[in-house]
Amino acid sequence: MRISPTGTLSKNSGFTLVELVIVVALLAMFSFISLPLLMNREDGGERRVLRRLAGTVKQLYNEATLTRDRHLLTFDIDRNSMSAFRLRDSDGLIEKQPIGEERSLKPLQLKQVEVVGKGNFRQGQVSITIFPLGWMEQTRLVLAADKGAVKILEFSPLTGSTKISDERPKL
Protein backbone atom coordinates (compact mmCIF):
# COMPACT_ATOMS: atom_id res chain seq x y z
CA MET A 1 0.00 0.00 0.00
CA ARG A 2 1.26 3.44 -0.91
CA ILE A 3 1.57 6.15 1.73
CA SER A 4 0.51 9.75 1.09
CA PRO A 5 2.02 12.77 2.87
CA THR A 6 -1.04 12.93 5.16
CA GLY A 7 -1.20 9.27 6.06
CA THR A 8 -2.25 6.08 4.41
CA LEU A 9 -3.84 6.28 0.99
CA SER A 10 -7.17 4.57 0.63
CA LYS A 11 -9.81 4.35 -2.04
CA ASN A 12 -12.61 5.39 0.35
CA SER A 13 -13.63 8.98 -0.14
CA GLY A 14 -16.39 11.09 1.36
CA PHE A 15 -17.28 12.76 4.61
CA THR A 16 -17.16 11.20 8.00
CA LEU A 17 -20.20 11.16 10.25
CA VAL A 18 -18.60 13.78 12.53
CA GLU A 19 -18.05 16.16 9.61
CA LEU A 20 -21.66 15.78 8.46
CA VAL A 21 -22.97 16.42 11.99
CA ILE A 22 -20.85 19.58 12.25
CA VAL A 23 -22.12 20.90 8.90
CA VAL A 24 -25.76 20.20 9.80
CA ALA A 25 -25.29 21.89 13.20
CA LEU A 26 -23.78 24.99 11.54
CA LEU A 27 -26.63 25.20 9.02
CA ALA A 28 -29.18 24.90 11.81
CA MET A 29 -27.44 27.64 13.80
CA PHE A 30 -27.36 30.00 10.79
CA SER A 31 -31.05 29.39 10.08
CA PHE A 32 -32.01 30.09 13.71
CA ILE A 33 -30.11 33.37 13.52
CA SER A 34 -31.38 34.54 10.13
CA LEU A 35 -34.99 33.36 10.26
CA PRO A 36 -36.16 35.95 12.86
CA LEU A 37 -34.48 38.69 10.82
CA LEU A 38 -36.37 37.63 7.72
CA MET A 39 -39.68 37.35 9.57
CA ASN A 40 -39.42 40.93 10.92
CA ARG A 41 -39.17 42.62 7.55
CA GLU A 42 -42.23 44.86 8.06
CA ASP A 43 -40.65 46.46 11.13
CA GLY A 44 -37.67 47.38 8.97
CA GLY A 45 -39.89 49.74 6.97
CA GLU A 46 -40.93 51.60 10.10
CA ARG A 47 -37.35 51.89 11.31
CA ARG A 48 -36.26 53.03 7.86
CA VAL A 49 -38.84 55.86 7.87
CA LEU A 50 -37.80 56.94 11.38
CA ARG A 51 -34.12 56.97 10.39
CA ARG A 52 -34.94 58.89 7.20
CA LEU A 53 -36.84 61.53 9.18
CA ALA A 54 -34.05 61.92 11.74
CA GLY A 55 -31.43 62.05 8.99
CA THR A 56 -33.35 64.63 6.97
CA VAL A 57 -33.72 66.93 9.98
CA LYS A 58 -30.02 66.66 10.82
CA GLN A 59 -29.02 67.21 7.18
CA LEU A 60 -31.19 70.33 6.87
CA TYR A 61 -29.92 71.63 10.21
CA ASN A 62 -26.28 71.19 9.15
CA GLU A 63 -26.90 72.60 5.68
CA ALA A 64 -28.63 75.68 7.12
CA THR A 65 -25.65 76.46 9.34
CA LEU A 66 -23.17 75.91 6.51
CA THR A 67 -24.96 77.77 3.71
CA ARG A 68 -26.52 80.49 5.92
CA ASP A 69 -29.87 79.90 4.18
CA ARG A 70 -33.11 79.15 5.98
CA HIS A 71 -34.60 75.72 5.31
CA LEU A 72 -38.13 74.39 5.61
CA LEU A 73 -39.27 70.90 6.46
CA THR A 74 -42.91 70.60 5.43
CA PHE A 75 -45.20 67.82 6.61
CA ASP A 76 -48.42 67.15 4.73
CA ILE A 77 -50.57 65.31 7.27
CA ASP A 78 -53.39 64.55 4.81
CA ARG A 79 -51.01 63.03 2.23
CA ASN A 80 -48.77 61.43 4.91
CA SER A 81 -45.60 62.87 3.38
CA MET A 82 -42.73 65.29 3.94
CA SER A 83 -40.80 67.71 1.73
CA ALA A 84 -37.65 69.76 2.24
CA PHE A 85 -36.91 73.23 0.86
CA ARG A 86 -34.12 75.81 0.86
CA LEU A 87 -35.15 79.46 1.12
CA ARG A 88 -32.72 81.60 -0.86
CA ASP A 89 -32.72 85.37 -0.67
CA SER A 90 -32.08 86.73 -4.17
CA ASP A 91 -32.54 90.42 -4.91
CA GLY A 92 -34.86 90.91 -1.95
CA LEU A 93 -37.15 88.06 -3.02
CA ILE A 94 -37.20 84.74 -1.20
CA GLU A 95 -36.94 81.81 -3.56
CA LYS A 96 -38.20 78.42 -2.35
CA GLN A 97 -36.05 75.65 -3.84
CA PRO A 98 -37.06 72.01 -3.30
CA ILE A 99 -34.43 69.63 -1.94
CA GLY A 100 -35.16 66.18 -3.29
CA GLU A 101 -38.66 64.86 -3.82
CA GLU A 102 -41.70 64.62 -1.62
CA ARG A 103 -41.32 61.46 0.48
CA SER A 104 -44.04 59.23 1.82
CA LEU A 105 -43.99 58.27 5.50
CA LYS A 106 -45.57 54.85 4.90
CA PRO A 107 -45.82 52.35 6.61
CA LEU A 108 -46.23 54.89 9.45
CA GLN A 109 -49.17 57.29 9.57
CA LEU A 110 -48.56 60.92 10.58
CA LYS A 111 -51.24 61.74 13.16
CA GLN A 112 -50.15 65.03 14.69
CA VAL A 113 -47.47 67.70 14.41
CA GLU A 114 -46.87 69.82 17.52
CA VAL A 115 -44.81 72.98 17.01
CA VAL A 116 -44.05 75.00 20.13
CA GLY A 117 -45.45 78.50 19.65
CA LYS A 118 -47.62 77.54 16.67
CA GLY A 119 -49.88 74.83 18.09
CA ASN A 120 -50.98 71.25 17.39
CA PHE A 121 -51.96 70.23 13.87
CA ARG A 122 -53.91 67.15 12.82
CA GLN A 123 -54.56 68.04 9.16
CA GLY A 124 -53.14 70.14 6.36
CA GLN A 125 -49.54 71.21 5.87
CA VAL A 126 -47.16 72.24 8.63
CA SER A 127 -43.75 73.80 7.94
CA ILE A 128 -40.88 73.85 10.39
CA THR A 129 -38.26 76.53 9.88
CA ILE A 130 -34.59 75.71 10.36
CA PHE A 131 -32.60 78.90 10.83
CA PRO A 132 -28.99 79.46 9.74
CA LEU A 133 -27.76 80.37 13.22
CA GLY A 134 -28.08 76.81 14.47
CA TRP A 135 -31.65 76.79 15.70
CA MET A 136 -34.92 75.24 14.61
CA GLU A 137 -38.48 75.27 15.90
CA GLN A 138 -39.07 72.74 18.66
CA THR A 139 -41.30 70.08 17.16
CA ARG A 140 -42.91 66.75 18.05
CA LEU A 141 -44.33 64.31 15.53
CA VAL A 142 -46.87 61.66 16.51
CA LEU A 143 -46.74 58.68 14.15
CA ALA A 144 -48.94 55.59 14.33
CA ALA A 145 -47.82 52.14 13.24
CA ASP A 146 -50.03 49.41 11.79
CA LYS A 147 -50.17 47.43 15.01
CA GLY A 148 -51.41 50.36 17.09
CA ALA A 149 -47.99 51.38 18.36
CA VAL A 150 -47.33 55.11 18.63
CA LYS A 151 -43.91 56.62 17.88
CA ILE A 152 -42.98 60.12 19.03
CA LEU A 153 -40.19 62.06 17.34
CA GLU A 154 -38.90 65.15 19.13
CA PHE A 155 -36.58 67.51 17.26
CA SER A 156 -34.08 69.34 19.46
CA PRO A 157 -34.05 73.05 18.57
CA LEU A 158 -30.38 73.61 19.47
CA THR A 159 -28.71 70.54 17.94
CA GLY A 160 -31.01 69.29 15.19
CA SER A 161 -30.95 65.83 16.74
CA THR A 162 -34.01 63.62 16.99
CA LYS A 163 -35.26 61.66 19.98
CA ILE A 164 -37.51 58.70 19.18
CA SER A 165 -39.75 57.24 21.86
CA ASP A 166 -42.68 54.84 22.03
CA GLU A 167 -44.76 56.72 24.58
CA ARG A 168 -46.28 60.16 24.36
CA PRO A 169 -44.37 62.56 26.64
CA LYS A 170 -46.28 65.09 28.71
CA LEU A 171 -46.06 68.67 27.51
C-alpha atoms as a PDB file:
ATOM      1  CA  MET A   1       0.000   0.000   0.000  1.00  0.00           C
ATOM      2  CA  ARG A   2       1.264   3.444  -0.914  1.00  0.00           C
ATOM      3  CA  ILE A   3       1.573   6.147   1.731  1.00  0.00           C
ATOM      4  CA  SER A   4       0.510   9.752   1.090  1.00  0.00           C
ATOM      5  CA  PRO A   5       2.024  12.772   2.872  1.00  0.00           C
ATOM      6  CA  THR A   6      -1.037  12.930   5.159  1.00  0.00           C
ATOM      7  CA  GLY A   7      -1.203   9.271   6.062  1.00  0.00           C
ATOM      8  CA  THR A   8      -2.253   6.084   4.409  1.00  0.00           C
ATOM      9  CA  LEU A   9      -3.836   6.276   0.992  1.00  0.00           C
ATOM     10  CA  SER A  10      -7.174   4.566   0.631  1.00  0.00           C
ATOM     11  CA  LYS A  11      -9.814   4.349  -2.041  1.00  0.00           C
ATOM     12  CA  ASN A  12     -12.611   5.390   0.349  1.00  0.00           C
ATOM     13  CA  SER A  13     -13.635   8.983  -0.144  1.00  0.00           C
ATOM     14  CA  GLY A  14     -16.392  11.095   1.364  1.00  0.00           C
ATOM     15  CA  PHE A  15     -17.279  12.762   4.606  1.00  0.00           C
ATOM     16  CA  THR A  16     -17.161  11.201   8.004  1.00  0.00           C
ATOM     17  CA  LEU A  17     -20.197  11.160  10.252  1.00  0.00           C
ATOM     18  CA  VAL A  18     -18.596  13.780  12.528  1.00  0.00           C
ATOM     19  CA  GLU A  19     -18.049  16.157   9.608  1.00  0.00           C
ATOM     20  CA  LEU A  20     -21.664  15.781   8.460  1.00  0.00           C
ATOM     21  CA  VAL A  21     -22.971  16.424  11.988  1.00  0.00           C
ATOM     22  CA  ILE A  22     -20.851  19.581  12.252  1.00  0.00           C
ATOM     23  CA  VAL A  23     -22.118  20.901   8.895  1.00  0.00           C
ATOM     24  CA  VAL A  24     -25.762  20.204   9.805  1.00  0.00           C
ATOM     25  CA  ALA A  25     -25.285  21.888  13.198  1.00  0.00           C
ATOM     26  CA  LEU A  26     -23.778  24.989  11.541  1.00  0.00           C
ATOM     27  CA  LEU A  27     -26.631  25.197   9.018  1.00  0.00           C
ATOM     28  CA  ALA A  28     -29.182  24.898  11.809  1.00  0.00           C
ATOM     29  CA  MET A  29     -27.436  27.637  13.799  1.00  0.00           C
ATOM     30  CA  PHE A  30     -27.359  30.000  10.793  1.00  0.00           C
ATOM     31  CA  SER A  31     -31.049  29.388  10.080  1.00  0.00           C
ATOM     32  CA  PHE A  32     -32.009  30.092  13.706  1.00  0.00           C
ATOM     33  CA  ILE A  33     -30.114  33.371  13.520  1.00  0.00           C
ATOM     34  CA  SER A  34     -31.379  34.541  10.129  1.00  0.00           C
ATOM     35  CA  LEU A  35     -34.995  33.361  10.260  1.00  0.00           C
ATOM     36  CA  PRO A  36     -36.160  35.952  12.855  1.00  0.00           C
ATOM     37  CA  LEU A  37     -34.484  38.685  10.820  1.00  0.00           C
ATOM     38  CA  LEU A  38     -36.375  37.632   7.717  1.00  0.00           C
ATOM     39  CA  MET A  39     -39.679  37.350   9.572  1.00  0.00           C
ATOM     40  CA  ASN A  40     -39.421  40.925  10.925  1.00  0.00           C
ATOM     41  CA  ARG A  41     -39.168  42.617   7.547  1.00  0.00           C
ATOM     42  CA  GLU A  42     -42.227  44.860   8.058  1.00  0.00           C
ATOM     43  CA  ASP A  43     -40.646  46.462  11.134  1.00  0.00           C
ATOM     44  CA  GLY A  44     -37.673  47.382   8.968  1.00  0.00           C
ATOM     45  CA  GLY A  45     -39.886  49.737   6.974  1.00  0.00           C
ATOM     46  CA  GLU A  46     -40.928  51.601  10.102  1.00  0.00           C
ATOM     47  CA  ARG A  47     -37.350  51.892  11.310  1.00  0.00           C
ATOM     48  CA  ARG A  48     -36.258  53.033   7.861  1.00  0.00           C
ATOM     49  CA  VAL A  49     -38.842  55.864   7.868  1.00  0.00           C
ATOM     50  CA  LEU A  50     -37.801  56.937  11.381  1.00  0.00           C
ATOM     51  CA  ARG A  51     -34.119  56.972  10.390  1.00  0.00           C
ATOM     52  CA  ARG A  52     -34.938  58.891   7.205  1.00  0.00           C
ATOM     53  CA  LEU A  53     -36.843  61.527   9.183  1.00  0.00           C
ATOM     54  CA  ALA A  54     -34.048  61.916  11.736  1.00  0.00           C
ATOM     55  CA  GLY A  55     -31.429  62.047   8.986  1.00  0.00           C
ATOM     56  CA  THR A  56     -33.354  64.627   6.971  1.00  0.00           C
ATOM     57  CA  VAL A  57     -33.724  66.928   9.975  1.00  0.00           C
ATOM     58  CA  LYS A  58     -30.016  66.655  10.821  1.00  0.00           C
ATOM     59  CA  GLN A  59     -29.018  67.207   7.184  1.00  0.00           C
ATOM     60  CA  LEU A  60     -31.187  70.330   6.868  1.00  0.00           C
ATOM     61  CA  TYR A  61     -29.922  71.632  10.214  1.00  0.00           C
ATOM     62  CA  ASN A  62     -26.285  71.186   9.151  1.00  0.00           C
ATOM     63  CA  GLU A  63     -26.902  72.601   5.679  1.00  0.00           C
ATOM     64  CA  ALA A  64     -28.633  75.679   7.117  1.00  0.00           C
ATOM     65  CA  THR A  65     -25.647  76.459   9.337  1.00  0.00           C
ATOM     66  CA  LEU A  66     -23.166  75.908   6.505  1.00  0.00           C
ATOM     67  CA  THR A  67     -24.962  77.774   3.708  1.00  0.00           C
ATOM     68  CA  ARG A  68     -26.524  80.494   5.918  1.00  0.00           C
ATOM     69  CA  ASP A  69     -29.865  79.900   4.177  1.00  0.00           C
ATOM     70  CA  ARG A  70     -33.107  79.148   5.983  1.00  0.00           C
ATOM     71  CA  HIS A  71     -34.602  75.725   5.307  1.00  0.00           C
ATOM     72  CA  LEU A  72     -38.130  74.385   5.605  1.00  0.00           C
ATOM     73  CA  LEU A  73     -39.273  70.903   6.460  1.00  0.00           C
ATOM     74  CA  THR A  74     -42.913  70.598   5.429  1.00  0.00           C
ATOM     75  CA  PHE A  75     -45.197  67.818   6.612  1.00  0.00           C
ATOM     76  CA  ASP A  76     -48.425  67.150   4.728  1.00  0.00           C
ATOM     77  CA  ILE A  77     -50.570  65.313   7.273  1.00  0.00           C
ATOM     78  CA  ASP A  78     -53.390  64.552   4.807  1.00  0.00           C
ATOM     79  CA  ARG A  79     -51.006  63.027   2.232  1.00  0.00           C
ATOM     80  CA  ASN A  80     -48.765  61.431   4.911  1.00  0.00           C
ATOM     81  CA  SER A  81     -45.600  62.870   3.379  1.00  0.00           C
ATOM     82  CA  MET A  82     -42.733  65.290   3.937  1.00  0.00           C
ATOM     83  CA  SER A  83     -40.798  67.705   1.728  1.00  0.00           C
ATOM     84  CA  ALA A  84     -37.653  69.763   2.241  1.00  0.00           C
ATOM     85  CA  PHE A  85     -36.911  73.234   0.855  1.00  0.00           C
ATOM     86  CA  ARG A  86     -34.118  75.811   0.857  1.00  0.00           C
ATOM     87  CA  LEU A  87     -35.147  79.457   1.124  1.00  0.00           C
ATOM     88  CA  ARG A  88     -32.719  81.604  -0.864  1.00  0.00           C
ATOM     89  CA  ASP A  89     -32.724  85.372  -0.674  1.00  0.00           C
ATOM     90  CA  SER A  90     -32.076  86.727  -4.170  1.00  0.00           C
ATOM     91  CA  ASP A  91     -32.541  90.419  -4.915  1.00  0.00           C
ATOM     92  CA  GLY A  92     -34.865  90.909  -1.950  1.00  0.00           C
ATOM     93  CA  LEU A  93     -37.150  88.055  -3.016  1.00  0.00           C
ATOM     94  CA  ILE A  94     -37.205  84.744  -1.200  1.00  0.00           C
ATOM     95  CA  GLU A  95     -36.945  81.809  -3.558  1.00  0.00           C
ATOM     96  CA  LYS A  96     -38.202  78.417  -2.354  1.00  0.00           C
ATOM     97  CA  GLN A  97     -36.052  75.646  -3.845  1.00  0.00           C
ATOM     98  CA  PRO A  98     -37.064  72.014  -3.297  1.00  0.00           C
ATOM     99  CA  ILE A  99     -34.434  69.635  -1.944  1.00  0.00           C
ATOM    100  CA  GLY A 100     -35.165  66.184  -3.286  1.00  0.00           C
ATOM    101  CA  GLU A 101     -38.662  64.861  -3.815  1.00  0.00           C
ATOM    102  CA  GLU A 102     -41.704  64.620  -1.620  1.00  0.00           C
ATOM    103  CA  ARG A 103     -41.317  61.459   0.475  1.00  0.00           C
ATOM    104  CA  SER A 104     -44.038  59.226   1.823  1.00  0.00           C
ATOM    105  CA  LEU A 105     -43.993  58.268   5.505  1.00  0.00           C
ATOM    106  CA  LYS A 106     -45.568  54.850   4.898  1.00  0.00           C
ATOM    107  CA  PRO A 107     -45.823  52.354   6.610  1.00  0.00           C
ATOM    108  CA  LEU A 108     -46.228  54.890   9.448  1.00  0.00           C
ATOM    109  CA  GLN A 109     -49.171  57.293   9.570  1.00  0.00           C
ATOM    110  CA  LEU A 110     -48.555  60.922  10.580  1.00  0.00           C
ATOM    111  CA  LYS A 111     -51.242  61.737  13.155  1.00  0.00           C
ATOM    112  CA  GLN A 112     -50.149  65.030  14.687  1.00  0.00           C
ATOM    113  CA  VAL A 113     -47.470  67.700  14.414  1.00  0.00           C
ATOM    114  CA  GLU A 114     -46.875  69.820  17.520  1.00  0.00           C
ATOM    115  CA  VAL A 115     -44.813  72.982  17.009  1.00  0.00           C
ATOM    116  CA  VAL A 116     -44.054  74.998  20.133  1.00  0.00           C
ATOM    117  CA  GLY A 117     -45.450  78.498  19.652  1.00  0.00           C
ATOM    118  CA  LYS A 118     -47.624  77.536  16.672  1.00  0.00           C
ATOM    119  CA  GLY A 119     -49.880  74.829  18.089  1.00  0.00           C
ATOM    120  CA  ASN A 120     -50.982  71.249  17.389  1.00  0.00           C
ATOM    121  CA  PHE A 121     -51.959  70.233  13.869  1.00  0.00           C
ATOM    122  CA  ARG A 122     -53.911  67.145  12.819  1.00  0.00           C
ATOM    123  CA  GLN A 123     -54.559  68.036   9.165  1.00  0.00           C
ATOM    124  CA  GLY A 124     -53.145  70.140   6.363  1.00  0.00           C
ATOM    125  CA  GLN A 125     -49.540  71.209   5.874  1.00  0.00           C
ATOM    126  CA  VAL A 126     -47.156  72.241   8.634  1.00  0.00           C
ATOM    127  CA  SER A 127     -43.750  73.796   7.940  1.00  0.00           C
ATOM    128  CA  ILE A 128     -40.880  73.846  10.391  1.00  0.00           C
ATOM    129  CA  THR A 129     -38.256  76.527   9.879  1.00  0.00           C
ATOM    130  CA  ILE A 130     -34.585  75.710  10.358  1.00  0.00           C
ATOM    131  CA  PHE A 131     -32.605  78.900  10.825  1.00  0.00           C
ATOM    132  CA  PRO A 132     -28.987  79.464   9.736  1.00  0.00           C
ATOM    133  CA  LEU A 133     -27.758  80.369  13.216  1.00  0.00           C
ATOM    134  CA  GLY A 134     -28.080  76.812  14.474  1.00  0.00           C
ATOM    135  CA  TRP A 135     -31.654  76.790  15.698  1.00  0.00           C
ATOM    136  CA  MET A 136     -34.925  75.239  14.611  1.00  0.00           C
ATOM    137  CA  GLU A 137     -38.476  75.275  15.898  1.00  0.00           C
ATOM    138  CA  GLN A 138     -39.074  72.742  18.655  1.00  0.00           C
ATOM    139  CA  THR A 139     -41.302  70.077  17.157  1.00  0.00           C
ATOM    140  CA  ARG A 140     -42.908  66.750  18.049  1.00  0.00           C
ATOM    141  CA  LEU A 141     -44.327  64.313  15.532  1.00  0.00           C
ATOM    142  CA  VAL A 142     -46.868  61.660  16.508  1.00  0.00           C
ATOM    143  CA  LEU A 143     -46.737  58.681  14.152  1.00  0.00           C
ATOM    144  CA  ALA A 144     -48.943  55.590  14.331  1.00  0.00           C
ATOM    145  CA  ALA A 145     -47.819  52.141  13.237  1.00  0.00           C
ATOM    146  CA  ASP A 146     -50.027  49.407  11.792  1.00  0.00           C
ATOM    147  CA  LYS A 147     -50.170  47.427  15.014  1.00  0.00           C
ATOM    148  CA  GLY A 148     -51.413  50.363  17.087  1.00  0.00           C
ATOM    149  CA  ALA A 149     -47.990  51.382  18.363  1.00  0.00           C
ATOM    150  CA  VAL A 150     -47.325  55.112  18.628  1.00  0.00           C
ATOM    151  CA  LYS A 151     -43.912  56.619  17.884  1.00  0.00           C
ATOM    152  CA  ILE A 152     -42.975  60.119  19.026  1.00  0.00           C
ATOM    153  CA  LEU A 153     -40.188  62.063  17.339  1.00  0.00           C
ATOM    154  CA  GLU A 154     -38.897  65.150  19.129  1.00  0.00           C
ATOM    155  CA  PHE A 155     -36.579  67.512  17.261  1.00  0.00           C
ATOM    156  CA  SER A 156     -34.081  69.336  19.458  1.00  0.00           C
ATOM    157  CA  PRO A 157     -34.048  73.052  18.575  1.00  0.00           C
ATOM    158  CA  LEU A 158     -30.380  73.611  19.466  1.00  0.00           C
ATOM    159  CA  THR A 159     -28.711  70.541  17.943  1.00  0.00           C
ATOM    160  CA  GLY A 160     -31.007  69.286  15.195  1.00  0.00           C
ATOM    161  CA  SER A 161     -30.946  65.832  16.743  1.00  0.00           C
ATOM    162  CA  THR A 162     -34.010  63.623  16.989  1.00  0.00           C
ATOM    163  CA  LYS A 163     -35.256  61.662  19.984  1.00  0.00           C
ATOM    164  CA  ILE A 164     -37.505  58.700  19.178  1.00  0.00           C
ATOM    165  CA  SER A 165     -39.748  57.239  21.856  1.00  0.00           C
ATOM    166  CA  ASP A 166     -42.676  54.840  22.034  1.00  0.00           C
ATOM    167  CA  GLU A 167     -44.756  56.717  24.578  1.00  0.00           C
ATOM    168  CA  ARG A 168     -46.280  60.155  24.363  1.00  0.00           C
ATOM    169  CA  PRO A 169     -44.368  62.555  26.639  1.00  0.00           C
ATOM    170  CA  LYS A 170     -46.279  65.089  28.706  1.00  0.00           C
ATOM    171  CA  LEU A 171     -46.057  68.670  27.509  1.00  0.00           C
END
